Amino acid sequence: LLDQQKECFDFLLHSMERIAEDFGERVFYTSRGNRISIAFSL
């Protein structure tokens, strides 16, 4: 489960970065201090 969480976080991060690029938004650069939650600009 711990390994799966890390894999899913990386998957989520990259997915949100692609969506942000497509819609002119950005993902906050917080993964160095938070490996669970992600902030996506609106």
Full PDB file with SEQRES, HELIX, SHEET, SSBOND, CRYST1, ORIGX, SCALE, CONECT and MASTER records, all heavy atoms in Angstrom:
SEQRES   1 A   42  LEU LEU ASP GLN GLN LYS GLU CYS PHE ASP PHE LEU LEU          
SEQRES   2 A   42  HIS SER MET GLU ARG ILE ALA GLU ASP PHE GLY GLU ARG          
SEQRES   3 A   42  VAL PHE TYR THR SER ARG GLY ASN ARG ILE SER ILE ALA          
SEQRES   4 A   42  PHE SER LEU                                                  
HELIX    1 AA1 LEU A    2  ASP A   22  1                                  21    
CRYST1    1.000    1.000    1.000  90.00  90.00  90.00 P 1           1          
ORIGX1      1.000000  0.000000  0.000000        0.00000                         
ORIGX2      0.000000  1.000000  0.000000        0.00000                         
ORIGX3      0.000000  0.000000  1.000000        0.00000                         
SCALE1      1.000000  0.000000  0.000000        0.00000                         
SCALE2      0.000000  1.000000  0.000000        0.00000                         
SCALE3      0.000000  0.000000  1.000000        0.00000                         
ATOM      1  N   LEU A   1       0.826  -1.209   0.000  1.00  0.00           N  
ATOM      2  CA  LEU A   1       0.000   0.000   0.000  1.00  0.00           C  
ATOM      3  C   LEU A   1       0.862   1.262   0.000  1.00  0.00           C  
ATOM      4  O   LEU A   1       0.530   2.252  -0.667  1.00  0.00           O  
ATOM      5  CB  LEU A   1      -0.923   0.002   1.222  1.00  0.00           C  
ATOM      6  CG  LEU A   1      -2.164  -0.887   1.159  1.00  0.00           C  
ATOM      7  CD1 LEU A   1      -2.819  -0.973   2.539  1.00  0.00           C  
ATOM      8  CD2 LEU A   1      -3.164  -0.375   0.131  1.00  0.00           C  
ATOM      9  N   LEU A   2       1.954   1.246   0.762  1.00  0.00           N  
ATOM     10  CA  LEU A   2       2.855   2.397   0.784  1.00  0.00           C  
ATOM     11  C   LEU A   2       3.458   2.648  -0.594  1.00  0.00           C  
ATOM     12  O   LEU A   2       3.540   3.799  -1.052  1.00  0.00           O  
ATOM     13  CB  LEU A   2       3.970   2.184   1.812  1.00  0.00           C  
ATOM     14  CG  LEU A   2       3.558   2.142   3.291  1.00  0.00           C  
ATOM     15  CD1 LEU A   2       4.774   1.853   4.166  1.00  0.00           C  
ATOM     16  CD2 LEU A   2       2.900   3.442   3.719  1.00  0.00           C  
ATOM     17  N   ASP A   3       3.870   1.578  -1.261  1.00  0.00           N  
ATOM     18  CA  ASP A   3       4.436   1.714  -2.614  1.00  0.00           C  
ATOM     19  C   ASP A   3       3.379   2.232  -3.590  1.00  0.00           C  
ATOM     20  O   ASP A   3       3.662   3.082  -4.445  1.00  0.00           O  
ATOM     21  CB  ASP A   3       4.978   0.369  -3.101  1.00  0.00           C  
ATOM     22  CG  ASP A   3       6.230  -0.064  -2.354  1.00  0.00           C  
ATOM     23  OD1 ASP A   3       6.891   0.791  -1.753  1.00  0.00           O  
ATOM     24  OD2 ASP A   3       6.544  -1.280  -2.374  1.00  0.00           O  
ATOM     25  N   GLN A   4       2.167   1.709  -3.452  1.00  0.00           N  
ATOM     26  CA  GLN A   4       1.075   2.128  -4.336  1.00  0.00           C  
ATOM     27  C   GLN A   4       0.755   3.600  -4.150  1.00  0.00           C  
ATOM     28  O   GLN A   4       0.485   4.319  -5.128  1.00  0.00           O  
ATOM     29  CB  GLN A   4      -0.162   1.282  -4.026  1.00  0.00           C  
ATOM     30  CG  GLN A   4      -1.399   1.633  -4.840  1.00  0.00           C  
ATOM     31  CD  GLN A   4      -2.592   0.788  -4.416  1.00  0.00           C  
ATOM     32  OE1 GLN A   4      -2.628  -0.412  -4.651  1.00  0.00           O  
ATOM     33  NE2 GLN A   4      -3.555   1.412  -3.761  1.00  0.00           N  
ATOM     34  N   GLN A   5       0.819   4.084  -2.898  1.00  0.00           N  
ATOM     35  CA  GLN A   5       0.551   5.499  -2.646  1.00  0.00           C  
ATOM     36  C   GLN A   5       1.573   6.385  -3.357  1.00  0.00           C  
ATOM     37  O   GLN A   5       1.217   7.397  -3.968  1.00  0.00           O  
ATOM     38  CB  GLN A   5       0.570   5.776  -1.133  1.00  0.00           C  
ATOM     39  CG  GLN A   5       0.114   7.179  -0.739  1.00  0.00           C  
ATOM     40  CD  GLN A   5       1.216   8.230  -0.835  1.00  0.00           C  
ATOM     41  OE1 GLN A   5       2.378   7.947  -0.559  1.00  0.00           O  
ATOM     42  NE2 GLN A   5       0.842   9.453  -1.223  1.00  0.00           N  
ATOM     43  N   LYS A   6       2.835   6.006  -3.305  1.00  0.00           N  
ATOM     44  CA  LYS A   6       3.881   6.791  -3.972  1.00  0.00           C  
ATOM     45  C   LYS A   6       3.673   6.807  -5.483  1.00  0.00           C  
ATOM     46  O   LYS A   6       3.810   7.851  -6.135  1.00  0.00           O  
ATOM     47  CB  LYS A   6       5.258   6.211  -3.632  1.00  0.00           C  
ATOM     48  CG  LYS A   6       5.661   6.425  -2.190  1.00  0.00           C  
ATOM     49  CD  LYS A   6       7.007   5.773  -1.887  1.00  0.00           C  
ATOM     50  CE  LYS A   6       7.389   5.967  -0.426  1.00  0.00           C  
ATOM     51  NZ  LYS A   6       8.655   5.281  -0.085  1.00  0.00           N  
ATOM     52  N   GLU A   7       3.329   5.659  -6.033  1.00  0.00           N  
ATOM     53  CA  GLU A   7       3.091   5.578  -7.480  1.00  0.00           C  
ATOM     54  C   GLU A   7       1.884   6.418  -7.881  1.00  0.00           C  
ATOM     55  O   GLU A   7       1.919   7.131  -8.898  1.00  0.00           O  
ATOM     56  CB  GLU A   7       2.883   4.117  -7.889  1.00  0.00           C  
ATOM     57  CG  GLU A   7       4.140   3.265  -7.757  1.00  0.00           C  
ATOM     58  CD  GLU A   7       3.848   1.771  -7.892  1.00  0.00           C  
ATOM     59  OE1 GLU A   7       2.666   1.415  -8.136  1.00  0.00           O  
ATOM     60  OE2 GLU A   7       4.789   0.965  -7.737  1.00  0.00           O  
ATOM     61  N   CYS A   8       0.823   6.347  -7.093  1.00  0.00           N  
ATOM     62  CA  CYS A   8      -0.384   7.113  -7.411  1.00  0.00           C  
ATOM     63  C   CYS A   8      -0.135   8.616  -7.276  1.00  0.00           C  
ATOM     64  O   CYS A   8      -0.668   9.406  -8.067  1.00  0.00           O  
ATOM     65  CB  CYS A   8      -1.538   6.688  -6.503  1.00  0.00           C  
ATOM     66  SG  CYS A   8      -2.311   5.139  -7.002  1.00  0.00           S  
ATOM     67  N   PHE A   9       0.669   9.014  -6.295  1.00  0.00           N  
ATOM     68  CA  PHE A   9       0.975  10.441  -6.161  1.00  0.00           C  
ATOM     69  C   PHE A   9       1.711  10.945  -7.404  1.00  0.00           C  
ATOM     70  O   PHE A   9       1.370  12.005  -7.950  1.00  0.00           O  
ATOM     71  CB  PHE A   9       1.816  10.709  -4.912  1.00  0.00           C  
ATOM     72  CG  PHE A   9       2.201  12.157  -4.769  1.00  0.00           C  
ATOM     73  CD1 PHE A   9       1.324  13.080  -4.219  1.00  0.00           C  
ATOM     74  CD2 PHE A   9       3.427  12.618  -5.223  1.00  0.00           C  
ATOM     75  CE1 PHE A   9       1.657  14.427  -4.115  1.00  0.00           C  
ATOM     76  CE2 PHE A   9       3.778  13.956  -5.133  1.00  0.00           C  
ATOM     77  CZ  PHE A   9       2.888  14.866  -4.576  1.00  0.00           C  
ATOM     78  N   ASP A  10       2.706  10.209  -7.862  1.00  0.00           N  
ATOM     79  CA  ASP A  10       3.446  10.624  -9.064  1.00  0.00           C  
ATOM     80  C   ASP A  10       2.523  10.668 -10.284  1.00  0.00           C  
ATOM     81  O   ASP A  10       2.602  11.594 -11.101  1.00  0.00           O  
ATOM     82  CB  ASP A  10       4.605   9.659  -9.321  1.00  0.00           C  
ATOM     83  CG  ASP A  10       5.735   9.826  -8.316  1.00  0.00           C  
ATOM     84  OD1 ASP A  10       5.851  10.914  -7.726  1.00  0.00           O  
ATOM     85  OD2 ASP A  10       6.496   8.861  -8.115  1.00  0.00           O  
ATOM     86  N   PHE A  11       1.635   9.681 -10.392  1.00  0.00           N  
ATOM     87  CA  PHE A  11       0.677   9.636 -11.494  1.00  0.00           C  
ATOM     88  C   PHE A  11      -0.255  10.841 -11.438  1.00  0.00           C  
ATOM     89  O   PHE A  11      -0.519  11.505 -12.451  1.00  0.00           O  
ATOM     90  CB  PHE A  11      -0.102   8.323 -11.432  1.00  0.00           C  
ATOM     91  CG  PHE A  11      -1.156   8.161 -12.481  1.00  0.00           C  
ATOM     92  CD1 PHE A  11      -0.976   8.627 -13.786  1.00  0.00           C  
ATOM     93  CD2 PHE A  11      -2.352   7.518 -12.189  1.00  0.00           C  
ATOM     94  CE1 PHE A  11      -1.955   8.465 -14.764  1.00  0.00           C  
ATOM     95  CE2 PHE A  11      -3.332   7.354 -13.144  1.00  0.00           C  
ATOM     96  CZ  PHE A  11      -3.135   7.834 -14.431  1.00  0.00           C  
ATOM     97  N   LEU A  12      -0.758  11.140 -10.228  1.00  0.00           N  
ATOM     98  CA  LEU A  12      -1.658  12.280 -10.058  1.00  0.00           C  
ATOM     99  C   LEU A  12      -0.933  13.590 -10.390  1.00  0.00           C  
ATOM    100  O   LEU A  12      -1.482  14.449 -11.096  1.00  0.00           O  
ATOM    101  CB  LEU A  12      -2.178  12.320  -8.621  1.00  0.00           C  
ATOM    102  CG  LEU A  12      -3.081  13.505  -8.251  1.00  0.00           C  
ATOM    103  CD1 LEU A  12      -4.360  13.500  -9.071  1.00  0.00           C  
ATOM    104  CD2 LEU A  12      -3.410  13.478  -6.752  1.00  0.00           C  
ATOM    105  N   LEU A  13       0.286  13.732  -9.914  1.00  0.00           N  
ATOM    106  CA  LEU A  13       1.052  14.948 -10.159  1.00  0.00           C  
ATOM    107  C   LEU A  13       1.255  15.181 -11.650  1.00  0.00           C  
ATOM    108  O   LEU A  13       0.991  16.284 -12.164  1.00  0.00           O  
ATOM    109  CB  LEU A  13       2.402  14.858  -9.446  1.00  0.00           C  
ATOM    110  CG  LEU A  13       3.363  16.040  -9.617  1.00  0.00           C  
ATOM    111  CD1 LEU A  13       2.739  17.335  -9.110  1.00  0.00           C  
ATOM    112  CD2 LEU A  13       4.689  15.758  -8.916  1.00  0.00           C  
ATOM    113  N   HIS A  14       1.682  14.164 -12.360  1.00  0.00           N  
ATOM    114  CA  HIS A  14       1.925  14.312 -13.799  1.00  0.00           C  
ATOM    115  C   HIS A  14       0.625  14.546 -14.564  1.00  0.00           C  
ATOM    116  O   HIS A  14       0.587  15.322 -15.531  1.00  0.00           O  
ATOM    117  CB  HIS A  14       2.646  13.074 -14.333  1.00  0.00           C  
ATOM    118  CG  HIS A  14       4.010  12.888 -13.726  1.00  0.00           C  
ATOM    119  ND1 HIS A  14       4.559  11.646 -13.464  1.00  0.00           N  
ATOM    120  CD2 HIS A  14       4.923  13.803 -13.309  1.00  0.00           C  
ATOM    121  CE1 HIS A  14       5.755  11.810 -12.925  1.00  0.00           C  
ATOM    122  NE2 HIS A  14       5.993  13.102 -12.813  1.00  0.00           N  
ATOM    123  N   SER A  15      -0.452  13.897 -14.128  1.00  0.00           N  
ATOM    124  CA  SER A  15      -1.757  14.093 -14.780  1.00  0.00           C  
ATOM    125  C   SER A  15      -2.243  15.528 -14.616  1.00  0.00           C  
ATOM    126  O   SER A  15      -2.724  16.163 -15.571  1.00  0.00           O  
ATOM    127  CB  SER A  15      -2.794  13.141 -14.175  1.00  0.00           C  
ATOM    128  OG  SER A  15      -2.429  11.803 -14.365  1.00  0.00           O  
ATOM    129  N   MET A  16      -2.097  16.067 -13.396  1.00  0.00           N  
ATOM    130  CA  MET A  16      -2.550  17.428 -13.140  1.00  0.00           C  
ATOM    131  C   MET A  16      -1.678  18.446 -13.874  1.00  0.00           C  
ATOM    132  O   MET A  16      -2.170  19.489 -14.325  1.00  0.00           O  
ATOM    133  CB  MET A  16      -2.537  17.710 -11.632  1.00  0.00           C  
ATOM    134  CG  MET A  16      -3.494  16.836 -10.820  1.00  0.00           C  
ATOM    135  SD  MET A  16      -5.234  17.007 -11.301  1.00  0.00           S  
ATOM    136  CE  MET A  16      -5.611  18.605 -10.614  1.00  0.00           C  
ATOM    137  N   GLU A  17      -0.404  18.147 -14.015  1.00  0.00           N  
ATOM    138  CA  GLU A  17       0.481  19.043 -14.777  1.00  0.00           C  
ATOM    139  C   GLU A  17       0.063  19.108 -16.242  1.00  0.00           C  
ATOM    140  O   GLU A  17       0.087  20.192 -16.853  1.00  0.00           O  
ATOM    141  CB  GLU A  17       1.933  18.563 -14.653  1.00  0.00           C  
ATOM    142  CG  GLU A  17       2.550  18.858 -13.286  1.00  0.00           C  
ATOM    143  CD  GLU A  17       3.926  18.246 -13.104  1.00  0.00           C  
ATOM    144  OE1 GLU A  17       4.266  17.306 -13.872  1.00  0.00           O  
ATOM    145  OE2 GLU A  17       4.651  18.672 -12.200  1.00  0.00           O  
ATOM    146  N   ARG A  18      -0.363  17.982 -16.804  1.00  0.00           N  
ATOM    147  CA  ARG A  18      -0.823  17.980 -18.207  1.00  0.00           C  
ATOM    148  C   ARG A  18      -2.117  18.772 -18.362  1.00  0.00           C  
ATOM    149  O   ARG A  18      -2.287  19.530 -19.324  1.00  0.00           O  
ATOM    150  CB  ARG A  18      -1.010  16.538 -18.692  1.00  0.00           C  
ATOM    151  CG  ARG A  18       0.310  15.796 -18.918  1.00  0.00           C  
ATOM    152  CD  ARG A  18       0.100  14.524 -19.709  1.00  0.00           C  
ATOM    153  NE  ARG A  18      -0.701  13.543 -18.979  1.00  0.00           N  
ATOM    154  CZ  ARG A  18      -0.192  12.635 -18.151  1.00  0.00           C  
ATOM    155  NH1 ARG A  18       1.113  12.593 -17.924  1.00  0.00           N  
ATOM    156  NH2 ARG A  18      -0.978  11.774 -17.539  1.00  0.00           N  
ATOM    157  N   ILE A  19      -3.038  18.596 -17.409  1.00  0.00           N  
ATOM    158  CA  ILE A  19      -4.292  19.348 -17.467  1.00  0.00           C  
ATOM    159  C   ILE A  19      -4.012  20.851 -17.318  1.00  0.00           C  
ATOM    160  O   ILE A  19      -4.587  21.683 -18.033  1.00  0.00           O  
ATOM    161  CB  ILE A  19      -5.264  18.871 -16.366  1.00  0.00           C  
ATOM    162  CG1 ILE A  19      -5.655  17.411 -16.602  1.00  0.00           C  
ATOM    163  CG2 ILE A  19      -6.517  19.746 -16.321  1.00  0.00           C  
ATOM    164  CD1 ILE A  19      -6.484  16.797 -15.486  1.00  0.00           C  
ATOM    165  N   ALA A  20      -3.119  21.189 -16.393  1.00  0.00           N  
ATOM    166  CA  ALA A  20      -2.772  22.599 -16.186  1.00  0.00           C  
ATOM    167  C   ALA A  20      -2.204  23.212 -17.459  1.00  0.00           C  
ATOM    168  O   ALA A  20      -2.555  24.348 -17.839  1.00  0.00           O  
ATOM    169  CB  ALA A  20      -1.760  22.715 -15.038  1.00  0.00           C  
ATOM    170  N   GLU A  21      -1.362  22.479 -18.139  1.00  0.00           N  
ATOM    171  CA  GLU A  21      -0.762  22.979 -19.381  1.00  0.00           C  
ATOM    172  C   GLU A  21      -1.829  23.204 -20.444  1.00  0.00           C  
ATOM    173  O   GLU A  21      -1.803  24.202 -21.168  1.00  0.00           O  
ATOM    174  CB  GLU A  21       0.283  21.984 -19.873  1.00  0.00           C  
ATOM    175  CG  GLU A  21       1.047  22.459 -21.099  1.00  0.00           C  
ATOM    176  CD  GLU A  21       2.126  21.482 -21.526  1.00  0.00           C  
ATOM    177  OE1 GLU A  21       2.396  20.519 -20.787  1.00  0.00           O  
ATOM    178  OE2 GLU A  21       2.685  21.680 -22.625  1.00  0.00           O  
ATOM    179  N   ASP A  22      -2.786  22.289 -20.518  1.00  0.00           N  
ATOM    180  CA  ASP A  22      -3.841  22.391 -21.539  1.00  0.00           C  
ATOM    181  C   ASP A  22      -4.811  23.540 -21.267  1.00  0.00           C  
ATOM    182  O   ASP A  22      -5.421  24.071 -22.209  1.00  0.00           O  
ATOM    183  CB  ASP A  22      -4.621  21.078 -21.626  1.00  0.00           C  
ATOM    184  CG  ASP A  22      -3.780  19.939 -22.186  1.00  0.00           C  
ATOM    185  OD1 ASP A  22      -2.721  20.226 -22.783  1.00  0.00           O  
ATOM    186  OD2 ASP A  22      -4.167  18.764 -22.005  1.00  0.00           O  
ATOM    187  N   PHE A  23      -4.972  23.927 -19.998  1.00  0.00           N  
ATOM    188  CA  PHE A  23      -5.976  24.942 -19.658  1.00  0.00           C  
ATOM    189  C   PHE A  23      -5.341  26.243 -19.154  1.00  0.00           C  
ATOM    190  O   PHE A  23      -6.039  27.090 -18.584  1.00  0.00           O  
ATOM    191  CB  PHE A  23      -6.945  24.390 -18.610  1.00  0.00           C  
ATOM    192  CG  PHE A  23      -7.921  23.382 -19.178  1.00  0.00           C  
ATOM    193  CD1 PHE A  23      -7.595  22.030 -19.215  1.00  0.00           C  
ATOM    194  CD2 PHE A  23      -9.134  23.786 -19.691  1.00  0.00           C  
ATOM    195  CE1 PHE A  23      -8.468  21.097 -19.735  1.00  0.00           C  
ATOM    196  CE2 PHE A  23     -10.027  22.861 -20.212  1.00  0.00           C  
ATOM    197  CZ  PHE A  23      -9.692  21.511 -20.246  1.00  0.00           C  
ATOM    198  N   GLY A  24      -4.056  26.406 -19.350  1.00  0.00           N  
ATOM    199  CA  GLY A  24      -3.405  27.652 -18.965  1.00  0.00           C  
ATOM    200  C   GLY A  24      -3.309  27.860 -17.466  1.00  0.00           C  
ATOM    201  O   GLY A  24      -3.298  29.007 -17.000  1.00  0.00           O  
ATOM    202  N   GLU A  25      -3.245  26.770 -16.716  1.00  0.00           N  
ATOM    203  CA  GLU A  25      -3.096  26.852 -15.261  1.00  0.00           C  
ATOM    204  C   GLU A  25      -1.741  26.261 -14.868  1.00  0.00           C  
ATOM    205  O   GLU A  25      -0.925  25.960 -15.730  1.00  0.00           O  
ATOM    206  CB  GLU A  25      -4.242  26.101 -14.559  1.00  0.00           C  
ATOM    207  CG  GLU A  25      -5.633  26.644 -14.862  1.00  0.00           C  
ATOM    208  CD  GLU A  25      -5.872  28.033 -14.261  1.00  0.00           C  
ATOM    209  OE1 GLU A  25      -5.037  28.509 -13.462  1.00  0.00           O  
ATOM    210  OE2 GLU A  25      -6.895  28.662 -14.600  1.00  0.00           O  
ATOM    211  N   ARG A  26      -1.518  26.083 -13.585  1.00  0.00           N  
ATOM    212  CA  ARG A  26      -0.269  25.473 -13.159  1.00  0.00           C  
ATOM    213  C   ARG A  26      -0.482  24.673 -11.881  1.00  0.00           C  
ATOM    214  O   ARG A  26      -1.425  24.923 -11.109  1.00  0.00           O  
ATOM    215  CB  ARG A  26       0.809  26.527 -12.932  1.00  0.00           C  
ATOM    216  CG  ARG A  26       0.616  27.403 -11.717  1.00  0.00           C  
ATOM    217  CD  ARG A  26       1.679  28.488 -11.619  1.00  0.00           C  
ATOM    218  NE  ARG A  26       1.607  29.204 -10.349  1.00  0.00           N  
ATOM    219  CZ  ARG A  26       2.270  28.860  -9.254  1.00  0.00           C  
ATOM    220  NH1 ARG A  26       3.062  27.785  -9.273  1.00  0.00           N  
ATOM    221  NH2 ARG A  26       2.164  29.558  -8.141  1.00  0.00           N  
ATOM    222  N   VAL A  27       0.406  23.716 -11.654  1.00  0.00           N  
ATOM    223  CA  VAL A  27       0.425  22.953 -10.407  1.00  0.00           C  
ATOM    224  C   VAL A  27       1.466  23.586  -9.500  1.00  0.00           C  
ATOM    225  O   VAL A  27       2.596  23.839  -9.924  1.00  0.00           O  
ATOM    226  CB  VAL A  27       0.758  21.466 -10.669  1.00  0.00           C  
ATOM    227  CG1 VAL A  27       0.956  20.719  -9.357  1.00  0.00           C  
ATOM    228  CG2 VAL A  27      -0.350  20.811 -11.491  1.00  0.00           C  
ATOM    229  N   PHE A  28       1.099  23.873  -8.274  1.00  0.00           N  
ATOM    230  CA  PHE A  28       2.029  24.488  -7.330  1.00  0.00           C  
ATOM    231  C   PHE A  28       3.212  23.548  -7.090  1.00  0.00           C  
ATOM    232  O   PHE A  28       3.042  22.325  -6.989  1.00  0.00           O  
ATOM    233  CB  PHE A  28       1.336  24.773  -5.996  1.00  0.00           C  
ATOM    234  CG  PHE A  28       0.330  25.898  -6.029  1.00  0.00           C  
ATOM    235  CD1 PHE A  28      -0.520  26.079  -7.118  1.00  0.00           C  
ATOM    236  CD2 PHE A  28       0.216  26.761  -4.962  1.00  0.00           C  
ATOM    237  CE1 PHE A  28      -1.458  27.104  -7.145  1.00  0.00           C  
ATOM    238  CE2 PHE A  28      -0.711  27.789  -4.968  1.00  0.00           C  
ATOM    239  CZ  PHE A  28      -1.549  27.962  -6.065  1.00  0.00           C  
ATOM    240  N   TYR A  29       4.379  24.138  -6.941  1.00  0.00           N  
ATOM    241  CA  TYR A  29       5.588  23.353  -6.729  1.00  0.00           C  
ATOM    242  C   TYR A  29       5.727  23.056  -5.232  1.00  0.00           C  
ATOM    243  O   TYR A  29       6.424  23.740  -4.490  1.00  0.00           O  
ATOM    244  CB  TYR A  29       6.809  24.114  -7.249  1.00  0.00           C  
ATOM    245  CG  TYR A  29       8.125  23.397  -7.035  1.00  0.00           C  
ATOM    246  CD1 TYR A  29       8.308  22.088  -7.479  1.00  0.00           C  
ATOM    247  CD2 TYR A  29       9.175  24.031  -6.377  1.00  0.00           C  
ATOM    248  CE1 TYR A  29       9.513  21.425  -7.273  1.00  0.00           C  
ATOM    249  CE2 TYR A  29      10.387  23.383  -6.170  1.00  0.00           C  
ATOM    250  CZ  TYR A  29      10.537  22.073  -6.614  1.00  0.00           C  
ATOM    251  OH  TYR A  29      11.734  21.423  -6.401  1.00  0.00           O  
ATOM    252  N   THR A  30       5.026  22.023  -4.786  1.00  0.00           N  
ATOM    253  CA  THR A  30       5.007  21.699  -3.349  1.00  0.00           C  
ATOM    254  C   THR A  30       5.413  20.261  -3.058  1.00  0.00           C  
ATOM    255  O   THR A  30       5.461  19.872  -1.887  1.00  0.00           O  
ATOM    256  CB  THR A  30       3.591  21.919  -2.768  1.00  0.00           C  
ATOM    257  OG1 THR A  30       2.658  21.102  -3.482  1.00  0.00           O  
ATOM    258  CG2 THR A  30       3.172  23.379  -2.882  1.00  0.00           C  
ATOM    259  N   SER A  31       5.721  19.486  -4.077  1.00  0.00           N  
ATOM    260  CA  SER A  31       5.965  18.053  -3.864  1.00  0.00           C  
ATOM    261  C   SER A  31       7.215  17.783  -3.030  1.00  0.00           C  
ATOM    262  O   SER A  31       7.360  16.700  -2.466  1.00  0.00           O  
ATOM    263  CB  SER A  31       6.065  17.318  -5.203  1.00  0.00           C  
ATOM    264  OG  SER A  31       7.086  17.851  -6.006  1.00  0.00           O  
ATOM    265  N   ARG A  32       8.107  18.768  -2.907  1.00  0.00           N  
ATOM    266  CA  ARG A  32       9.301  18.550  -2.079  1.00  0.00           C  
ATOM    267  C   ARG A  32       8.956  18.584  -0.589  1.00  0.00           C  
ATOM    268  O   ARG A  32       9.762  18.155   0.250  1.00  0.00           O  
ATOM    269  CB  ARG A  32      10.366  19.607  -2.394  1.00  0.00           C  
ATOM    270  CG  ARG A  32      10.006  21.020  -1.966  1.00  0.00           C  
ATOM    271  CD  ARG A  32      10.927  22.054  -2.597  1.00  0.00           C  
ATOM    272  NE  ARG A  32      10.707  23.394  -2.073  1.00  0.00           N  
ATOM    273  CZ  ARG A  32       9.703  24.181  -2.438  1.00  0.00           C  
ATOM    274  NH1 ARG A  32       8.808  23.742  -3.317  1.00  0.00           N  
ATOM    275  NH2 ARG A  32       9.584  25.400  -1.928  1.00  0.00           N  
ATOM    276  N   GLY A  33       7.761  19.089  -0.248  1.00  0.00           N  
ATOM    277  CA  GLY A  33       7.365  19.154   1.156  1.00  0.00           C  
ATOM    278  C   GLY A  33       6.010  18.550   1.442  1.00  0.00           C  
ATOM    279  O   GLY A  33       5.539  18.564   2.585  1.00  0.00           O  
ATOM    280  N   ASN A  34       5.357  18.021   0.416  1.00  0.00           N  
ATOM    281  CA  ASN A  34       4.048  17.400   0.583  1.00  0.00           C  
ATOM    282  C   ASN A  34       3.886  16.339  -0.501  1.00  0.00           C  
ATOM    283  O   ASN A  34       3.751  16.684  -1.681  1.00  0.00           O  
ATOM    284  CB  ASN A  34       2.938  18.451   0.480  1.00  0.00           C  
ATOM    285  CG  ASN A  34       1.582  17.910   0.897  1.00  0.00           C  
ATOM    286  OD1 ASN A  34       1.298  16.725   0.738  1.00  0.00           O  
ATOM    287  ND2 ASN A  34       0.744  18.788   1.432  1.00  0.00           N  
ATOM    288  N   ARG A  35       3.919  15.074  -0.094  1.00  0.00           N  
ATOM    289  CA  ARG A  35       3.848  13.971  -1.062  1.00  0.00           C  
ATOM    290  C   ARG A  35       2.506  13.248  -0.989  1.00  0.00           C  
ATOM    291  O   ARG A  35       2.401  12.070  -1.328  1.00  0.00           O  
ATOM    292  CB  ARG A  35       4.983  12.980  -0.812  1.00  0.00           C  
ATOM    293  CG  ARG A  35       6.384  13.558  -0.953  1.00  0.00           C  
ATOM    294  CD  ARG A  35       6.756  13.830  -2.392  1.00  0.00           C  
ATOM    295  NE  ARG A  35       6.780  12.613  -3.202  1.00  0.00           N  
ATOM    296  CZ  ARG A  35       6.974  12.594  -4.514  1.00  0.00           C  
ATOM    297  NH1 ARG A  35       7.128  13.741  -5.184  1.00  0.00           N  
ATOM    298  NH2 ARG A  35       6.993  11.454  -5.175  1.00  0.00           N  
ATOM    299  N   ILE A  36       1.482  13.975  -0.566  1.00  0.00           N  
ATOM    300  CA  ILE A  36       0.129  13.416  -0.535  1.00  0.00           C  
ATOM    301  C   ILE A  36      -0.840  14.320  -1.297  1.00  0.00           C  
ATOM    302  O   ILE A  36      -1.601  13.869  -2.139  1.00  0.00           O  
ATOM    303  CB  ILE A  36      -0.365  13.221   0.910  1.00  0.00           C  
ATOM    304  CG1 ILE A  36       0.539  12.227   1.662  1.00  0.00           C  
ATOM    305  CG2 ILE A  36      -1.812  12.714   0.924  1.00  0.00           C  
ATOM    306  CD1 ILE A  36       0.237  12.113   3.143  1.00  0.00           C  
ATOM    307  N   SER A  37      -0.781  15.626  -1.004  1.00  0.00           N  
ATOM    308  CA  SER A  37      -1.741  16.579  -1.554  1.00  0.00           C  
ATOM    309  C   SER A  37      -1.085  17.468  -2.611  1.00  0.00           C  
ATOM    310  O   SER A  37       0.113  17.750  -2.559  1.00  0.00           O  
ATOM    311  CB  SER A  37      -2.306  17.444  -0.418  1.00  0.00           C  
ATOM    312  OG  SER A  37      -3.194  18.415  -0.902  1.00  0.00           O  
ATOM    313  N   ILE A  38      -1.903  17.907  -3.583  1.00  0.00           N  
ATOM    314  CA  ILE A  38      -1.441  18.736  -4.697  1.00  0.00           C  
ATOM    315  C   ILE A  38      -2.388  19.926  -4.842  1.00  0.00           C  
ATOM    316  O   ILE A  38      -3.611  19.781  -4.687  1.00  0.00           O  
ATOM    317  CB  ILE A  38      -1.429  17.922  -6.015  1.00  0.00           C  
ATOM    318  CG1 ILE A  38      -0.366  16.826  -5.954  1.00  0.00           C  
ATOM    319  CG2 ILE A  38      -1.214  18.816  -7.231  1.00  0.00           C  
ATOM    320  CD1 ILE A  38      -0.466  15.809  -7.067  1.00  0.00           C  
ATOM    321  N   ALA A  39      -1.820  21.098  -5.146  1.00  0.00           N  
ATOM    322  CA  ALA A  39      -2.631  22.302  -5.388  1.00  0.00           C  
ATOM    323  C   ALA A  39      -2.565  22.671  -6.870  1.00  0.00           C  
ATOM    324  O   ALA A  39      -1.484  22.756  -7.454  1.00  0.00           O  
ATOM    325  CB  ALA A  39      -2.141  23.463  -4.535  1.00  0.00           C  
ATOM    326  N   PHE A  40      -3.749  22.904  -7.455  1.00  0.00           N  
ATOM    327  CA  PHE A  40      -3.908  23.191  -8.886  1.00  0.00           C  
ATOM    328  C   PHE A  40      -4.545  24.563  -9.007  1.00  0.00           C  
ATOM    329  O   PHE A  40      -5.634  24.806  -8.471  1.00  0.00           O  
ATOM    330  CB  PHE A  40      -4.797  22.100  -9.501  1.00  0.00           C  
ATOM    331  CG  PHE A  40      -5.138  22.270 -10.949  1.00  0.00           C  
ATOM    332  CD1 PHE A  40      -4.379  21.651 -11.934  1.00  0.00           C  
ATOM    333  CD2 PHE A  40      -6.247  23.013 -11.334  1.00  0.00           C  
ATOM    334  CE1 PHE A  40      -4.714  21.777 -13.273  1.00  0.00           C  
ATOM    335  CE2 PHE A  40      -6.587  23.156 -12.678  1.00  0.00           C  
ATOM    336  CZ  PHE A  40      -5.809  22.533 -13.651  1.00  0.00           C  
ATOM    337  N   SER A  41      -3.890  25.490  -9.688  1.00  0.00           N  
ATOM    338  CA  SER A  41      -4.392  26.868  -9.750  1.00  0.00           C  
ATOM    339  C   SER A  41      -5.690  26.972 -10.548  1.00  0.00           C  
ATOM    340  O   SER A  41      -5.923  26.219 -11.496  1.00  0.00           O  
ATOM    341  CB  SER A  41      -3.339  27.783 -10.378  1.00  0.00           C  
ATOM    342  OG  SER A  41      -3.269  27.600 -11.780  1.00  0.00           O  
ATOM    343  N   LEU A  42      -6.524  27.911 -10.114  1.00  0.00           N  
ATOM    344  CA  LEU A  42      -7.743  28.288 -10.848  1.00  0.00           C  
ATOM    345  C   LEU A  42      -7.681  29.797 -11.070  1.00  0.00           C  
ATOM    346  O   LEU A  42      -8.552  30.563 -10.664  1.00  0.00           O  
ATOM    347  CB  LEU A  42      -8.991  27.898 -10.050  1.00  0.00           C  
ATOM    348  CG  LEU A  42      -9.171  26.403  -9.751  1.00  0.00           C  
ATOM    349  CD1 LEU A  42     -10.340  26.182  -8.808  1.00  0.00           C  
ATOM    350  CD2 LEU A  42      -9.377  25.609 -11.050  1.00  0.00           C  
TER     351      LEU A  42                                                      
MASTER        0    0    0    1    0    0    0    6  350    1    0    4          
END                                                                             
